[in-house]
N, C-alpha and C. Protein backbone atom coordinates (compact mmCIF):
# COMPACT_ATOMS: atom_id res chain seq x y z
N MET A 1 0.85 -1.17 0.00
CA MET A 1 0.00 0.00 0.00
C MET A 1 0.89 1.24 0.00
N ASN A 2 0.56 2.17 -0.83
CA ASN A 2 1.28 3.43 -0.89
C ASN A 2 0.36 4.56 -0.48
N LEU A 3 0.78 5.34 0.48
CA LEU A 3 0.01 6.51 0.90
C LEU A 3 0.78 7.76 0.53
N SER A 4 0.06 8.82 0.22
CA SER A 4 0.70 10.08 -0.11
C SER A 4 1.26 10.72 1.17
N GLU A 5 2.10 11.71 0.98
CA GLU A 5 2.66 12.43 2.13
C GLU A 5 1.54 13.07 2.96
N LEU A 6 0.52 13.58 2.29
CA LEU A 6 -0.62 14.18 2.98
C LEU A 6 -1.36 13.15 3.82
N GLN A 7 -1.55 11.96 3.28
CA GLN A 7 -2.22 10.90 4.03
C GLN A 7 -1.40 10.46 5.24
N LEU A 8 -0.08 10.34 5.08
CA LEU A 8 0.78 9.99 6.21
C LEU A 8 0.74 11.09 7.27
N ASP A 9 0.75 12.35 6.83
CA ASP A 9 0.64 13.47 7.79
C ASP A 9 -0.67 13.42 8.54
N ALA A 10 -1.76 13.06 7.83
CA ALA A 10 -3.07 12.96 8.49
C ALA A 10 -3.07 11.85 9.54
N LEU A 11 -2.45 10.71 9.23
CA LEU A 11 -2.35 9.63 10.22
C LEU A 11 -1.52 10.08 11.42
N GLY A 12 -0.44 10.81 11.15
CA GLY A 12 0.39 11.32 12.24
C GLY A 12 -0.38 12.28 13.12
N GLU A 13 -1.16 13.15 12.51
CA GLU A 13 -1.96 14.10 13.29
C GLU A 13 -3.02 13.38 14.10
N LEU A 14 -3.63 12.36 13.53
CA LEU A 14 -4.61 11.56 14.25
C LEU A 14 -3.96 10.89 15.47
N ALA A 15 -2.77 10.33 15.28
CA ALA A 15 -2.04 9.71 16.40
C ALA A 15 -1.66 10.75 17.44
N ASN A 16 -1.26 11.93 17.00
CA ASN A 16 -0.87 13.00 17.92
C ASN A 16 -2.05 13.45 18.77
N ILE A 17 -3.19 13.65 18.14
CA ILE A 17 -4.38 14.08 18.88
C ILE A 17 -4.83 12.99 19.85
N GLY A 18 -4.87 11.75 19.38
CA GLY A 18 -5.30 10.64 20.24
C GLY A 18 -4.39 10.44 21.43
N SER A 19 -3.08 10.48 21.19
CA SER A 19 -2.15 10.28 22.30
C SER A 19 -2.17 11.47 23.25
N GLY A 20 -2.40 12.67 22.72
CA GLY A 20 -2.52 13.84 23.58
C GLY A 20 -3.73 13.75 24.50
N ASN A 21 -4.85 13.30 23.94
CA ASN A 21 -6.06 13.12 24.77
C ASN A 21 -5.84 12.03 25.81
N ALA A 22 -5.17 10.94 25.41
CA ALA A 22 -4.90 9.86 26.36
C ALA A 22 -3.97 10.34 27.47
N ALA A 23 -2.95 11.12 27.13
CA ALA A 23 -2.02 11.63 28.14
C ALA A 23 -2.73 12.58 29.10
N THR A 24 -3.61 13.40 28.58
CA THR A 24 -4.38 14.32 29.44
C THR A 24 -5.27 13.54 30.40
N ALA A 25 -5.95 12.52 29.90
CA ALA A 25 -6.82 11.70 30.75
C ALA A 25 -6.01 10.95 31.81
N LEU A 26 -4.88 10.37 31.41
CA LEU A 26 -4.03 9.65 32.37
C LEU A 26 -3.50 10.60 33.43
N SER A 27 -3.07 11.79 33.03
CA SER A 27 -2.58 12.78 33.98
C SER A 27 -3.66 13.16 34.99
N SER A 28 -4.88 13.29 34.50
CA SER A 28 -6.01 13.62 35.38
C SER A 28 -6.28 12.48 36.37
N MET A 29 -6.16 11.25 35.91
CA MET A 29 -6.44 10.09 36.78
C MET A 29 -5.37 9.91 37.85
N VAL A 30 -4.09 10.09 37.50
CA VAL A 30 -3.02 9.82 38.46
C VAL A 30 -2.54 11.07 39.19
N GLY A 31 -2.97 12.25 38.71
CA GLY A 31 -2.65 13.48 39.41
C GLY A 31 -1.21 13.97 39.23
N VAL A 32 -0.54 13.52 38.20
CA VAL A 32 0.82 14.00 37.92
C VAL A 32 0.91 14.33 36.42
N PRO A 33 1.80 15.26 36.07
CA PRO A 33 1.96 15.59 34.64
C PRO A 33 2.50 14.39 33.86
N ILE A 34 2.08 14.26 32.64
CA ILE A 34 2.54 13.19 31.75
C ILE A 34 3.26 13.85 30.58
N ASP A 35 4.52 13.47 30.37
CA ASP A 35 5.28 13.97 29.22
C ASP A 35 4.97 13.12 28.01
N LEU A 36 4.91 13.75 26.86
CA LEU A 36 4.53 13.05 25.64
C LEU A 36 5.42 13.53 24.51
N SER A 37 5.92 12.59 23.71
CA SER A 37 6.65 12.96 22.51
C SER A 37 5.76 12.75 21.30
N VAL A 38 6.08 13.42 20.21
CA VAL A 38 5.28 13.31 19.00
C VAL A 38 5.43 11.91 18.42
N PRO A 39 4.32 11.23 18.15
CA PRO A 39 4.39 9.87 17.61
C PRO A 39 5.03 9.85 16.22
N THR A 40 5.68 8.76 15.91
CA THR A 40 6.25 8.54 14.58
C THR A 40 5.32 7.63 13.80
N VAL A 41 5.03 8.01 12.57
CA VAL A 41 4.16 7.20 11.73
C VAL A 41 5.00 6.58 10.63
N ARG A 42 4.92 5.27 10.52
CA ARG A 42 5.59 4.54 9.44
C ARG A 42 4.63 3.50 8.89
N LEU A 43 4.58 3.40 7.60
CA LEU A 43 3.76 2.39 6.94
C LEU A 43 4.71 1.30 6.46
N LEU A 44 4.66 0.14 7.15
CA LEU A 44 5.62 -0.93 6.88
C LEU A 44 4.92 -2.28 6.79
N PRO A 45 5.47 -3.17 5.97
CA PRO A 45 5.02 -4.56 6.04
C PRO A 45 5.41 -5.14 7.39
N LEU A 46 4.68 -6.12 7.87
CA LEU A 46 4.92 -6.67 9.20
C LEU A 46 6.37 -7.13 9.39
N VAL A 47 6.96 -7.76 8.39
CA VAL A 47 8.33 -8.26 8.55
C VAL A 47 9.31 -7.12 8.78
N ASP A 48 9.07 -5.95 8.16
CA ASP A 48 9.94 -4.79 8.37
C ASP A 48 9.62 -4.08 9.69
N ALA A 49 8.37 -4.17 10.13
CA ALA A 49 7.98 -3.52 11.37
C ALA A 49 8.69 -4.13 12.57
N VAL A 50 8.94 -5.42 12.51
CA VAL A 50 9.65 -6.10 13.61
C VAL A 50 11.03 -5.50 13.78
N ASP A 51 11.76 -5.30 12.68
CA ASP A 51 13.09 -4.70 12.75
C ASP A 51 13.04 -3.24 13.18
N ALA A 52 12.01 -2.51 12.75
CA ALA A 52 11.88 -1.10 13.08
C ALA A 52 11.54 -0.88 14.55
N ALA A 53 11.05 -1.91 15.22
CA ALA A 53 10.66 -1.78 16.63
C ALA A 53 11.86 -1.64 17.56
N GLY A 54 13.05 -1.96 17.09
CA GLY A 54 14.23 -1.79 17.92
C GLY A 54 14.83 -3.10 18.37
N ASP A 55 15.64 -3.01 19.40
CA ASP A 55 16.37 -4.15 19.94
C ASP A 55 15.39 -5.20 20.46
N PRO A 56 15.45 -6.43 19.93
CA PRO A 56 14.51 -7.46 20.37
C PRO A 56 14.69 -7.86 21.83
N ALA A 57 15.83 -7.54 22.42
CA ALA A 57 16.06 -7.89 23.83
C ALA A 57 15.47 -6.84 24.77
N GLU A 58 15.11 -5.67 24.23
CA GLU A 58 14.56 -4.61 25.07
C GLU A 58 13.08 -4.85 25.32
N GLU A 59 12.67 -4.71 26.57
CA GLU A 59 11.27 -4.93 26.92
C GLU A 59 10.44 -3.71 26.50
N VAL A 60 9.36 -3.97 25.80
CA VAL A 60 8.44 -2.91 25.39
C VAL A 60 7.02 -3.37 25.68
N PHE A 61 6.11 -2.43 25.64
CA PHE A 61 4.69 -2.72 25.78
C PHE A 61 4.03 -2.32 24.48
N ALA A 62 3.07 -3.10 24.03
CA ALA A 62 2.44 -2.82 22.74
C ALA A 62 0.94 -3.01 22.82
N VAL A 63 0.26 -2.29 21.94
CA VAL A 63 -1.18 -2.43 21.76
C VAL A 63 -1.41 -2.63 20.26
N LEU A 64 -2.17 -3.64 19.89
CA LEU A 64 -2.49 -3.92 18.50
C LEU A 64 -3.95 -3.56 18.27
N LEU A 65 -4.19 -2.65 17.34
CA LEU A 65 -5.55 -2.21 17.05
C LEU A 65 -5.89 -2.52 15.60
N PRO A 66 -6.99 -3.22 15.37
CA PRO A 66 -7.39 -3.45 13.98
C PRO A 66 -8.05 -2.21 13.39
N VAL A 67 -7.85 -1.98 12.11
CA VAL A 67 -8.52 -0.92 11.36
C VAL A 67 -9.43 -1.61 10.37
N VAL A 68 -10.70 -1.27 10.38
CA VAL A 68 -11.66 -1.91 9.49
C VAL A 68 -12.37 -0.85 8.65
N GLY A 69 -12.99 -1.30 7.60
CA GLY A 69 -13.69 -0.39 6.70
C GLY A 69 -13.01 -0.36 5.35
N ASP A 70 -12.97 0.83 4.72
CA ASP A 70 -12.34 0.97 3.41
C ASP A 70 -10.86 0.66 3.45
N LEU A 71 -10.22 0.93 4.57
CA LEU A 71 -8.80 0.66 4.74
C LEU A 71 -8.67 -0.40 5.83
N GLU A 72 -8.26 -1.60 5.44
CA GLU A 72 -8.06 -2.66 6.42
C GLU A 72 -6.59 -2.74 6.76
N ALA A 73 -6.28 -2.65 8.05
CA ALA A 73 -4.88 -2.66 8.48
C ALA A 73 -4.84 -2.98 9.96
N HIS A 74 -3.65 -2.97 10.51
CA HIS A 74 -3.44 -3.10 11.95
C HIS A 74 -2.52 -1.96 12.38
N VAL A 75 -2.84 -1.36 13.50
CA VAL A 75 -2.01 -0.31 14.07
C VAL A 75 -1.31 -0.91 15.28
N VAL A 76 -0.01 -0.78 15.35
CA VAL A 76 0.76 -1.27 16.49
C VAL A 76 1.31 -0.06 17.23
N LEU A 77 0.95 0.07 18.48
CA LEU A 77 1.47 1.14 19.32
C LEU A 77 2.52 0.53 20.24
N LEU A 78 3.75 1.02 20.15
CA LEU A 78 4.83 0.50 20.99
C LEU A 78 5.20 1.53 22.04
N PHE A 79 5.33 1.06 23.27
CA PHE A 79 5.71 1.92 24.38
C PHE A 79 7.00 1.40 24.98
């Protein structure tokens, strides 16, 4: 799948808004400020995504979200 630069920017903005809202909600729940960096958006085949995730020995947390509708995909959020 090939997306235009505008489409990738739109996905990045969507991720930025969503993570900002999540950070605000989490900060409100725990009562401490939450620092947030701008998410990186990459469109990769699964085999390349594994390498892009970093050192396989490093412990990370992930969330896998399915995307359904006109665009079928999976979103992987790595923490």
